[in-house]
Amino acid sequence: MFELRGLHAYYGKSHIVQGISLEVSAGEAVGLVGRNGVGKTTTLKAIIGLLRQTRGQILFDKREVSKLPTHRRAALGLGYVPEERAVFPDMSVEENIRIGALLQSGGDQQRCLDGAYALFPILRERREQLAGTLSGGQQKMLSLARGLALRPRLLLVDEPSEGLMPMFVAHVSEALAHAAESGNAILLVDASYELLRRVCARLYVMDRGLITGVYRPEEFASPDALAAAYLGAAAAAPAPAAEATRA
């Protein structure tokens, strides 16, 4: 469904992403992991079109989309949940979710809303509450619920577990796993060992703007083993899976 071919991305004169390639299939969740500052968030922003200083190909259903503005990419079925708690604070929970469903017809908008509440019942309980008064974890869930309400064919998710209590991480894991099982493709940036093992079929390890290996989550017996794969302790990491040759 989705493929990057030799993506380069820049902030000003800084060459952040240095020619990476990866792919995601329908119904597959793929993780992009690595230390802070190696280019993971930059990659997601380049894919959705928030960062226009790019080279290489961004292919969605074999269509080149790298020259399209962000709203055109969203209309094709690319969704994005940023790292920040990106909610509209002076709007209600329900209004925030409905914004995510605006591209759907009237009946489908209600189904998107019902689906979001089924994934996150706590949001139903607070549907009339102003989003800015929610806890940090609840705002994270709301941001994800709004992203899923777009019914994206590919959902880009940046650090959904950051700062969350384990209970909320479990809710987010279940929601993302359900989305993948329903046929969505997901490209996920996160550091949570439990979330990555629960949700992802493959993990691309990124370092200094490059893909350095591709692994299956079950190859890592512990969070330390996963961290070793991108902190440079090669002896503690398993050999990359065969897919790495394509990256």
Protein backbone atom coordinates (compact mmCIF):
# COMPACT_ATOMS: atom_id res chain seq x y z
CA MET A 1 0.00 0.00 0.00
CA PHE A 2 2.76 2.44 0.93
CA GLU A 3 6.42 2.79 0.09
CA LEU A 4 9.27 5.23 0.59
CA ARG A 5 12.07 5.08 -1.95
CA GLY A 6 15.24 6.95 -1.08
CA LEU A 7 13.56 9.64 1.02
CA HIS A 8 15.72 12.62 1.99
CA ALA A 9 14.32 15.36 4.23
CA TYR A 10 15.79 18.62 5.44
CA TYR A 11 15.27 21.31 8.07
CA GLY A 12 16.85 24.34 6.47
CA LYS A 13 20.38 23.24 5.60
CA SER A 14 20.29 20.29 8.01
CA HIS A 15 20.09 16.97 6.18
CA ILE A 16 18.00 14.96 8.67
CA VAL A 17 16.70 11.93 6.73
CA GLN A 18 19.34 10.55 4.38
CA GLY A 19 17.78 8.34 1.74
CA ILE A 20 15.63 5.82 3.63
CA SER A 21 13.36 3.21 2.06
CA LEU A 22 10.56 1.27 3.74
CA GLU A 23 7.18 -0.23 2.98
CA VAL A 24 3.88 -0.92 4.75
CA SER A 25 1.16 -3.30 3.56
CA ALA A 26 -2.58 -3.09 4.11
CA GLY A 27 -3.51 -4.47 7.51
CA GLU A 28 0.08 -4.20 8.74
CA ALA A 29 1.47 -2.10 11.57
CA VAL A 30 5.15 -1.23 11.21
CA GLY A 31 7.32 0.48 13.82
CA LEU A 32 10.04 3.06 13.24
CA VAL A 33 12.35 3.08 16.26
CA GLY A 34 15.58 4.76 17.30
CA ARG A 35 17.17 7.30 19.61
CA ASN A 36 15.82 10.83 19.88
CA GLY A 37 16.92 13.06 17.04
CA VAL A 38 17.63 10.41 14.39
CA GLY A 39 14.83 11.53 12.04
CA LYS A 40 11.75 9.51 12.97
CA THR A 41 9.35 12.44 13.43
CA THR A 42 10.89 14.18 10.43
CA THR A 43 10.06 11.10 8.36
CA LEU A 44 6.39 11.18 9.39
CA LYS A 45 6.12 14.92 8.72
CA ALA A 46 7.65 14.45 5.27
CA ILE A 47 5.17 11.68 4.47
CA ILE A 48 2.10 13.73 5.43
CA GLY A 49 3.44 16.87 3.73
CA LEU A 50 4.17 19.11 6.70
CA LEU A 51 7.82 19.19 5.65
CA ARG A 52 8.27 20.07 2.00
CA GLN A 53 12.08 20.06 1.74
CA THR A 54 12.31 16.48 0.51
CA ARG A 55 13.81 14.31 -2.23
CA GLY A 56 12.94 10.75 -3.18
CA GLN A 57 9.59 9.06 -3.77
CA ILE A 58 6.57 8.76 -1.49
CA LEU A 59 4.27 6.16 -3.07
CA PHE A 60 0.71 5.52 -1.89
CA ASP A 61 -1.08 2.80 -3.86
CA LYS A 62 1.76 3.17 -6.38
CA ARG A 63 0.89 6.84 -6.83
CA GLU A 64 3.57 9.47 -6.26
CA VAL A 65 2.23 11.88 -3.63
CA SER A 66 5.32 13.83 -2.58
CA LYS A 67 4.25 16.94 -4.51
CA LEU A 68 0.70 17.00 -3.14
CA PRO A 69 -0.29 19.39 -0.32
CA THR A 70 -1.19 17.89 3.05
CA HIS A 71 -4.96 18.19 2.61
CA ARG A 72 -4.80 16.26 -0.68
CA ARG A 73 -2.82 13.49 0.97
CA ALA A 74 -5.42 13.34 3.76
CA ALA A 75 -8.22 13.10 1.20
CA LEU A 76 -6.47 10.10 -0.38
CA GLY A 77 -6.45 8.32 2.99
CA LEU A 78 -3.29 9.35 4.84
CA GLY A 79 -3.88 10.22 8.48
CA TYR A 80 -1.47 11.71 11.01
CA VAL A 81 -1.49 11.75 14.81
CA PRO A 82 1.35 14.04 15.99
CA GLU A 83 3.44 13.61 19.11
CA GLU A 84 1.95 16.70 20.72
CA ARG A 85 -1.43 16.55 22.46
CA ALA A 86 -2.92 18.17 19.37
CA VAL A 87 -6.52 18.73 20.41
CA PHE A 88 -8.73 21.79 19.99
CA PRO A 89 -8.87 22.78 23.67
CA ASP A 90 -11.96 25.03 23.50
CA MET A 91 -14.07 22.44 21.68
CA SER A 92 -15.77 19.45 23.24
CA VAL A 93 -14.48 15.91 22.99
CA GLU A 94 -17.22 15.03 20.52
CA GLU A 95 -16.56 18.10 18.37
CA ASN A 96 -12.88 17.15 18.19
CA ILE A 97 -13.71 13.65 16.94
CA ARG A 98 -16.26 14.95 14.44
CA ILE A 99 -13.58 17.15 12.89
CA GLY A 100 -11.68 13.98 12.08
CA ALA A 101 -14.77 12.58 10.35
CA LEU A 102 -15.56 15.64 8.20
CA LEU A 103 -14.55 13.89 4.98
CA GLN A 104 -17.20 11.22 5.60
CA SER A 105 -20.88 11.44 4.67
CA GLY A 106 -23.44 12.18 7.41
CA GLY A 107 -24.22 8.59 8.33
CA ASP A 108 -20.58 7.57 8.14
CA GLN A 109 -19.65 10.46 10.45
CA GLN A 110 -21.88 8.99 13.14
CA ARG A 111 -20.38 5.54 12.62
CA CYS A 112 -16.89 7.03 12.98
CA LEU A 113 -17.97 8.68 16.22
CA ASP A 114 -19.50 5.44 17.53
CA GLY A 115 -16.33 3.57 16.57
CA ALA A 116 -14.15 6.03 18.47
CA TYR A 117 -16.29 5.65 21.57
CA ALA A 118 -16.16 1.86 21.27
CA LEU A 119 -12.34 2.02 21.26
CA PHE A 120 -12.14 4.61 24.04
CA PRO A 121 -15.23 4.39 26.31
CA ILE A 122 -13.78 7.05 28.62
CA LEU A 123 -14.21 9.58 25.80
CA ARG A 124 -17.91 8.78 25.57
CA GLU A 125 -18.23 9.56 29.27
CA ARG A 126 -16.58 12.93 28.63
CA ARG A 127 -18.04 13.71 25.21
CA GLU A 128 -19.40 17.12 26.30
CA GLN A 129 -16.27 18.09 28.24
CA LEU A 130 -13.88 20.66 26.78
CA ALA A 131 -10.86 18.85 25.36
CA GLY A 132 -8.45 21.23 27.09
CA THR A 133 -9.69 20.10 30.50
CA LEU A 134 -8.90 16.42 29.90
CA SER A 135 -5.88 14.77 31.48
CA GLY A 136 -2.78 14.37 29.34
CA GLY A 137 -3.50 10.69 28.73
CA GLN A 138 -7.09 11.38 27.76
CA GLN A 139 -5.95 14.07 25.31
CA LYS A 140 -3.59 11.55 23.73
CA MET A 141 -6.47 9.12 23.30
CA LEU A 142 -8.65 11.87 21.85
CA SER A 143 -5.98 12.80 19.33
CA LEU A 144 -5.75 9.16 18.26
CA ALA A 145 -9.54 8.80 18.13
CA ARG A 146 -9.76 11.85 15.87
CA GLY A 147 -7.05 10.43 13.60
CA LEU A 148 -8.91 7.13 13.31
CA ALA A 149 -12.18 8.95 12.60
CA LEU A 150 -10.69 10.02 9.26
CA ARG A 151 -10.79 6.29 8.39
CA PRO A 152 -7.27 6.53 7.00
CA ARG A 153 -5.91 3.76 4.84
CA LEU A 154 -2.48 4.62 6.25
CA LEU A 155 -2.21 6.12 9.73
CA LEU A 156 1.03 7.78 10.85
CA VAL A 157 1.28 7.85 14.65
CA ASP A 158 4.04 9.64 16.56
CA GLU A 159 4.83 8.58 20.17
CA PRO A 160 1.28 7.64 21.26
CA SER A 161 2.50 6.13 24.56
CA GLU A 162 4.72 9.03 25.64
CA GLY A 163 3.87 10.14 29.18
CA LEU A 164 0.98 7.68 29.55
CA MET A 165 0.21 5.44 32.50
CA PRO A 166 0.37 1.70 31.71
CA MET A 167 -3.44 1.49 31.69
CA PHE A 168 -3.65 4.13 28.96
CA VAL A 169 -0.81 2.48 27.00
CA ALA A 170 -2.87 -0.72 26.99
CA HIS A 171 -5.90 1.17 25.62
CA VAL A 172 -3.81 2.74 22.87
CA SER A 173 -2.23 -0.63 21.99
CA GLU A 174 -5.65 -2.25 21.68
CA ALA A 175 -6.95 0.58 19.48
CA LEU A 176 -3.99 0.42 17.10
CA ALA A 177 -4.07 -3.38 16.94
CA HIS A 178 -7.80 -3.24 16.16
CA ALA A 179 -7.19 -0.68 13.41
CA ALA A 180 -4.57 -2.91 11.78
CA GLU A 181 -6.78 -5.98 12.08
CA SER A 182 -9.53 -3.98 10.34
CA GLY A 183 -7.27 -3.46 7.31
CA ASN A 184 -5.58 -0.15 8.07
CA ALA A 185 -1.87 0.26 7.44
CA ILE A 186 -0.01 1.90 10.34
CA LEU A 187 3.44 3.45 10.55
CA LEU A 188 4.20 3.95 14.21
CA VAL A 189 6.97 5.83 16.03
CA ASP A 190 7.19 4.84 19.69
CA ALA A 191 9.60 3.69 22.40
CA SER A 192 7.22 1.44 24.36
CA TYR A 193 8.44 -2.15 24.21
CA GLU A 194 5.02 -3.52 25.16
CA LEU A 195 3.16 -1.42 22.60
CA LEU A 196 5.55 -2.33 19.78
CA ARG A 197 5.35 -6.05 20.57
CA ARG A 198 1.56 -5.91 20.78
CA VAL A 199 0.94 -3.93 17.61
CA CYS A 200 3.79 -4.19 15.09
CA ALA A 201 4.65 -6.91 12.60
CA ARG A 202 8.06 -5.40 11.78
CA LEU A 203 10.39 -2.77 13.22
CA TYR A 204 12.64 -0.53 11.15
CA VAL A 205 15.57 0.67 13.24
CA MET A 206 16.76 4.18 12.39
CA ASP A 207 20.04 5.87 13.29
CA ARG A 208 21.50 9.19 12.09
CA GLY A 209 18.95 9.53 9.33
CA LEU A 210 19.40 6.00 7.97
CA ILE A 211 17.61 2.65 8.27
CA THR A 212 20.12 0.30 9.90
CA GLY A 213 18.04 -2.88 10.16
CA VAL A 214 14.61 -4.50 10.04
CA TYR A 215 13.48 -6.86 12.81
CA ARG A 216 10.45 -8.76 14.07
CA PRO A 217 9.38 -7.58 17.55
CA GLU A 218 9.48 -11.10 18.95
CA GLU A 219 13.23 -11.21 18.27
CA PHE A 220 13.72 -8.92 21.26
CA ALA A 221 13.38 -10.64 24.62
CA SER A 222 13.37 -7.42 26.65
CA PRO A 223 13.24 -3.62 26.36
CA ASP A 224 17.03 -3.57 26.83
CA ALA A 225 17.52 -5.87 23.85
CA LEU A 226 15.36 -3.59 21.71
CA ALA A 227 17.26 -0.50 22.86
CA ALA A 228 20.56 -2.21 22.06
CA ALA A 229 19.50 -2.49 18.43
CA TYR A 230 19.50 1.28 18.03
CA LEU A 231 22.06 2.32 20.66
CA GLY A 232 24.89 0.61 18.82
CA ALA A 233 25.34 -2.49 21.01
CA ALA A 234 25.27 -4.79 18.00
CA ALA A 235 26.33 -7.84 19.97
CA ALA A 236 23.14 -7.70 22.02
CA ALA A 237 20.84 -7.34 18.99
CA PRO A 238 19.59 -10.18 16.80
CA ALA A 239 20.57 -10.34 13.15
CA PRO A 240 18.26 -8.22 10.95
CA ALA A 241 15.41 -10.00 9.25
CA ALA A 242 15.61 -10.56 5.50
CA GLU A 243 13.54 -7.46 4.77
CA ALA A 244 16.53 -5.31 5.79
CA THR A 245 18.12 -5.91 2.42
CA ARG A 246 15.29 -3.96 0.81
CA ALA A 247 15.79 -1.00 3.17
